[in-house]
Amino acid sequence: MSNEANATKAGVIGATAGSAGAVGTVAAAGTVTGLSATGITSGLAAVGSVVGGGMAAGLAITAAIPVVAGVAAYGIFKWVKK
């Protein structure tokens, strides 16, 4: 397998881990824990309050986590294999 294919796999694994972490954070951060409607909205609001925002800011942060994790894993793999 080529280095590029392995780097892509590393990026996918990083994004998957980032997604799991984001969902876990939202589920645990709210006033109501879990993935019910109340748990998700309070979790997103709690995540958003870290930057002084609300639920929309929490959604933006939570959506960015898998992207950042995937790009970081891809870049780190490419850097290590260089």
N, C-alpha and C. Protein backbone atom coordinates (compact mmCIF):
# COMPACT_ATOMS: atom_id res chain seq x y z
N MET A 1 0.83 -1.18 0.00
CA MET A 1 0.00 0.00 0.00
C MET A 1 0.88 1.25 0.00
N SER A 2 0.45 2.25 -0.68
CA SER A 2 1.26 3.47 -0.80
C SER A 2 1.18 4.30 0.48
N ASN A 3 2.15 5.17 0.61
CA ASN A 3 2.19 6.07 1.76
C ASN A 3 0.97 6.99 1.77
N GLU A 4 0.54 7.42 0.59
CA GLU A 4 -0.62 8.31 0.50
C GLU A 4 -1.88 7.60 0.97
N ALA A 5 -2.05 6.34 0.59
CA ALA A 5 -3.23 5.58 1.03
C ALA A 5 -3.21 5.39 2.54
N ASN A 6 -2.04 5.11 3.10
CA ASN A 6 -1.93 4.97 4.54
C ASN A 6 -2.20 6.28 5.27
N ALA A 7 -1.75 7.38 4.70
CA ALA A 7 -2.01 8.69 5.29
C ALA A 7 -3.50 9.00 5.26
N THR A 8 -4.15 8.62 4.18
CA THR A 8 -5.60 8.82 4.09
C THR A 8 -6.32 7.99 5.14
N LYS A 9 -5.87 6.75 5.32
CA LYS A 9 -6.48 5.92 6.36
C LYS A 9 -6.28 6.54 7.74
N ALA A 10 -5.10 7.09 7.99
CA ALA A 10 -4.85 7.75 9.26
C ALA A 10 -5.80 8.94 9.45
N GLY A 11 -6.05 9.68 8.37
CA GLY A 11 -6.99 10.79 8.45
C GLY A 11 -8.40 10.35 8.76
N VAL A 12 -8.82 9.25 8.15
CA VAL A 12 -10.16 8.72 8.41
C VAL A 12 -10.28 8.24 9.86
N ILE A 13 -9.24 7.57 10.33
CA ILE A 13 -9.26 7.09 11.72
C ILE A 13 -9.28 8.28 12.68
N GLY A 14 -8.52 9.32 12.38
CA GLY A 14 -8.53 10.51 13.22
C GLY A 14 -9.88 11.19 13.24
N ALA A 15 -10.51 11.27 12.07
CA ALA A 15 -11.85 11.89 12.00
C ALA A 15 -12.88 11.06 12.74
N THR A 16 -12.76 9.75 12.65
CA THR A 16 -13.69 8.88 13.37
C THR A 16 -13.52 9.04 14.88
N ALA A 17 -12.29 9.08 15.32
CA ALA A 17 -12.03 9.28 16.75
C ALA A 17 -12.53 10.66 17.20
N GLY A 18 -12.33 11.66 16.36
CA GLY A 18 -12.83 13.00 16.67
C GLY A 18 -14.34 13.05 16.76
N SER A 19 -15.00 12.30 15.88
CA SER A 19 -16.47 12.24 15.92
C SER A 19 -16.96 11.60 17.21
N ALA A 20 -16.32 10.48 17.57
CA ALA A 20 -16.71 9.80 18.81
C ALA A 20 -16.47 10.70 20.02
N GLY A 21 -15.36 11.40 20.01
CA GLY A 21 -15.07 12.32 21.11
C GLY A 21 -16.06 13.46 21.18
N ALA A 22 -16.45 13.99 20.03
CA ALA A 22 -17.41 15.10 20.00
C ALA A 22 -18.77 14.65 20.51
N VAL A 23 -19.22 13.48 20.08
CA VAL A 23 -20.52 12.97 20.55
C VAL A 23 -20.47 12.71 22.04
N GLY A 24 -19.38 12.11 22.51
CA GLY A 24 -19.24 11.86 23.94
C GLY A 24 -19.22 13.13 24.76
N THR A 25 -18.55 14.15 24.25
CA THR A 25 -18.49 15.42 24.96
C THR A 25 -19.86 16.07 25.04
N VAL A 26 -20.59 16.06 23.95
CA VAL A 26 -21.94 16.65 23.95
C VAL A 26 -22.85 15.88 24.91
N ALA A 27 -22.73 14.55 24.89
CA ALA A 27 -23.59 13.74 25.75
C ALA A 27 -23.29 13.97 27.23
N ALA A 28 -22.03 14.22 27.57
CA ALA A 28 -21.65 14.35 28.97
C ALA A 28 -21.66 15.78 29.50
N ALA A 29 -21.58 16.77 28.61
CA ALA A 29 -21.38 18.15 29.06
C ALA A 29 -22.65 18.87 29.50
N GLY A 30 -23.79 18.40 29.08
CA GLY A 30 -25.01 19.14 29.36
C GLY A 30 -25.52 18.97 30.78
N THR A 31 -26.54 19.74 31.09
CA THR A 31 -27.17 19.61 32.40
C THR A 31 -27.91 18.29 32.51
N VAL A 32 -28.38 17.79 31.39
CA VAL A 32 -29.00 16.47 31.31
C VAL A 32 -28.05 15.62 30.48
N THR A 33 -27.48 14.58 31.08
CA THR A 33 -26.55 13.75 30.34
C THR A 33 -27.30 12.80 29.42
N GLY A 34 -26.66 12.44 28.34
CA GLY A 34 -27.26 11.50 27.39
C GLY A 34 -27.51 12.14 26.05
N LEU A 35 -28.09 11.34 25.17
CA LEU A 35 -28.33 11.80 23.80
C LEU A 35 -29.81 11.99 23.50
N SER A 36 -30.58 12.36 24.51
CA SER A 36 -31.96 12.75 24.27
C SER A 36 -31.96 14.17 23.71
N ALA A 37 -33.11 14.64 23.33
CA ALA A 37 -33.18 16.00 22.78
C ALA A 37 -32.70 17.03 23.79
N THR A 38 -33.08 16.86 25.03
CA THR A 38 -32.65 17.78 26.08
C THR A 38 -31.16 17.66 26.33
N GLY A 39 -30.65 16.43 26.33
CA GLY A 39 -29.23 16.22 26.55
C GLY A 39 -28.38 16.82 25.45
N ILE A 40 -28.83 16.67 24.21
CA ILE A 40 -28.06 17.21 23.08
C ILE A 40 -28.07 18.74 23.10
N THR A 41 -29.23 19.33 23.30
CA THR A 41 -29.29 20.80 23.28
C THR A 41 -28.53 21.41 24.45
N SER A 42 -28.65 20.82 25.64
CA SER A 42 -27.91 21.37 26.78
C SER A 42 -26.41 21.10 26.62
N GLY A 43 -26.05 19.97 26.02
CA GLY A 43 -24.64 19.68 25.77
C GLY A 43 -24.04 20.64 24.76
N LEU A 44 -24.74 20.90 23.67
CA LEU A 44 -24.25 21.85 22.68
C LEU A 44 -24.13 23.25 23.28
N ALA A 45 -25.10 23.63 24.11
CA ALA A 45 -25.04 24.94 24.76
C ALA A 45 -23.85 25.02 25.71
N ALA A 46 -23.58 23.92 26.42
CA ALA A 46 -22.43 23.91 27.35
C ALA A 46 -21.11 24.01 26.58
N VAL A 47 -21.01 23.29 25.47
CA VAL A 47 -19.79 23.37 24.65
C VAL A 47 -19.65 24.78 24.07
N GLY A 48 -20.73 25.36 23.61
CA GLY A 48 -20.70 26.71 23.05
C GLY A 48 -20.37 27.78 24.08
N SER A 49 -20.75 27.52 25.34
CA SER A 49 -20.49 28.52 26.37
C SER A 49 -19.00 28.68 26.66
N VAL A 50 -18.21 27.70 26.25
CA VAL A 50 -16.75 27.79 26.45
C VAL A 50 -16.18 28.99 25.69
N VAL A 51 -16.76 29.31 24.55
CA VAL A 51 -16.28 30.44 23.75
C VAL A 51 -17.22 31.64 23.86
N GLY A 52 -18.11 31.61 24.82
CA GLY A 52 -19.02 32.74 25.03
C GLY A 52 -20.24 32.72 24.15
N GLY A 53 -20.54 31.61 23.53
CA GLY A 53 -21.71 31.50 22.67
C GLY A 53 -22.75 30.58 23.27
N GLY A 54 -23.63 30.15 22.43
CA GLY A 54 -24.69 29.26 22.86
C GLY A 54 -24.67 27.97 22.08
N MET A 55 -25.86 27.47 21.81
CA MET A 55 -25.98 26.19 21.13
C MET A 55 -25.41 26.22 19.72
N ALA A 56 -25.59 27.30 18.99
CA ALA A 56 -25.05 27.39 17.62
C ALA A 56 -23.53 27.36 17.63
N ALA A 57 -22.91 28.03 18.58
CA ALA A 57 -21.46 27.98 18.69
C ALA A 57 -21.01 26.58 19.06
N GLY A 58 -21.75 25.93 19.94
CA GLY A 58 -21.44 24.55 20.31
C GLY A 58 -21.53 23.62 19.12
N LEU A 59 -22.51 23.83 18.28
CA LEU A 59 -22.65 23.02 17.07
C LEU A 59 -21.47 23.25 16.13
N ALA A 60 -21.05 24.49 15.97
CA ALA A 60 -19.91 24.78 15.10
C ALA A 60 -18.63 24.14 15.64
N ILE A 61 -18.42 24.22 16.93
CA ILE A 61 -17.23 23.61 17.54
C ILE A 61 -17.28 22.10 17.40
N THR A 62 -18.43 21.53 17.69
CA THR A 62 -18.59 20.07 17.62
C THR A 62 -18.43 19.56 16.19
N ALA A 63 -18.88 20.32 15.22
CA ALA A 63 -18.74 19.91 13.83
C ALA A 63 -17.29 20.05 13.36
N ALA A 64 -16.55 20.97 13.94
CA ALA A 64 -15.17 21.19 13.52
C ALA A 64 -14.20 20.16 14.10
N ILE A 65 -14.54 19.56 15.23
CA ILE A 65 -13.62 18.64 15.89
C ILE A 65 -13.21 17.47 14.99
N PRO A 66 -14.13 16.75 14.34
CA PRO A 66 -13.69 15.64 13.48
C PRO A 66 -12.83 16.09 12.30
N VAL A 67 -13.12 17.25 11.76
CA VAL A 67 -12.34 17.77 10.63
C VAL A 67 -10.91 18.06 11.08
N VAL A 68 -10.78 18.74 12.21
CA VAL A 68 -9.45 19.07 12.74
C VAL A 68 -8.68 17.80 13.09
N ALA A 69 -9.35 16.85 13.72
CA ALA A 69 -8.68 15.60 14.11
C ALA A 69 -8.23 14.82 12.88
N GLY A 70 -9.07 14.77 11.85
CA GLY A 70 -8.69 14.06 10.63
C GLY A 70 -7.53 14.69 9.91
N VAL A 71 -7.56 16.00 9.77
CA VAL A 71 -6.47 16.72 9.11
C VAL A 71 -5.17 16.59 9.91
N ALA A 72 -5.29 16.66 11.23
CA ALA A 72 -4.10 16.52 12.08
C ALA A 72 -3.51 15.13 11.96
N ALA A 73 -4.34 14.10 11.99
CA ALA A 73 -3.84 12.73 11.86
C ALA A 73 -3.18 12.51 10.51
N TYR A 74 -3.78 13.02 9.47
CA TYR A 74 -3.20 12.92 8.12
C TYR A 74 -1.83 13.61 8.08
N GLY A 75 -1.78 14.83 8.58
CA GLY A 75 -0.53 15.59 8.55
C GLY A 75 0.55 14.96 9.40
N ILE A 76 0.18 14.46 10.57
CA ILE A 76 1.17 13.84 11.45
C ILE A 76 1.72 12.57 10.81
N PHE A 77 0.83 11.79 10.18
CA PHE A 77 1.30 10.57 9.51
C PHE A 77 2.29 10.91 8.39
N LYS A 78 1.94 11.90 7.59
CA LYS A 78 2.82 12.30 6.49
C LYS A 78 4.16 12.82 7.04
N TRP A 79 4.13 13.56 8.14
CA TRP A 79 5.34 14.10 8.72
C TRP A 79 6.23 13.00 9.29
N VAL A 80 5.62 12.03 9.97
CA VAL A 80 6.39 10.94 10.57
C VAL A 80 7.02 10.06 9.48
N LYS A 81 6.30 9.82 8.41
CA LYS A 81 6.81 8.94 7.34
C LYS A 81 7.76 9.65 6.39
N LYS A 82 7.99 10.92 6.57
CA LYS A 82 8.85 11.70 5.67
C LYS A 82 10.29 11.34 5.83
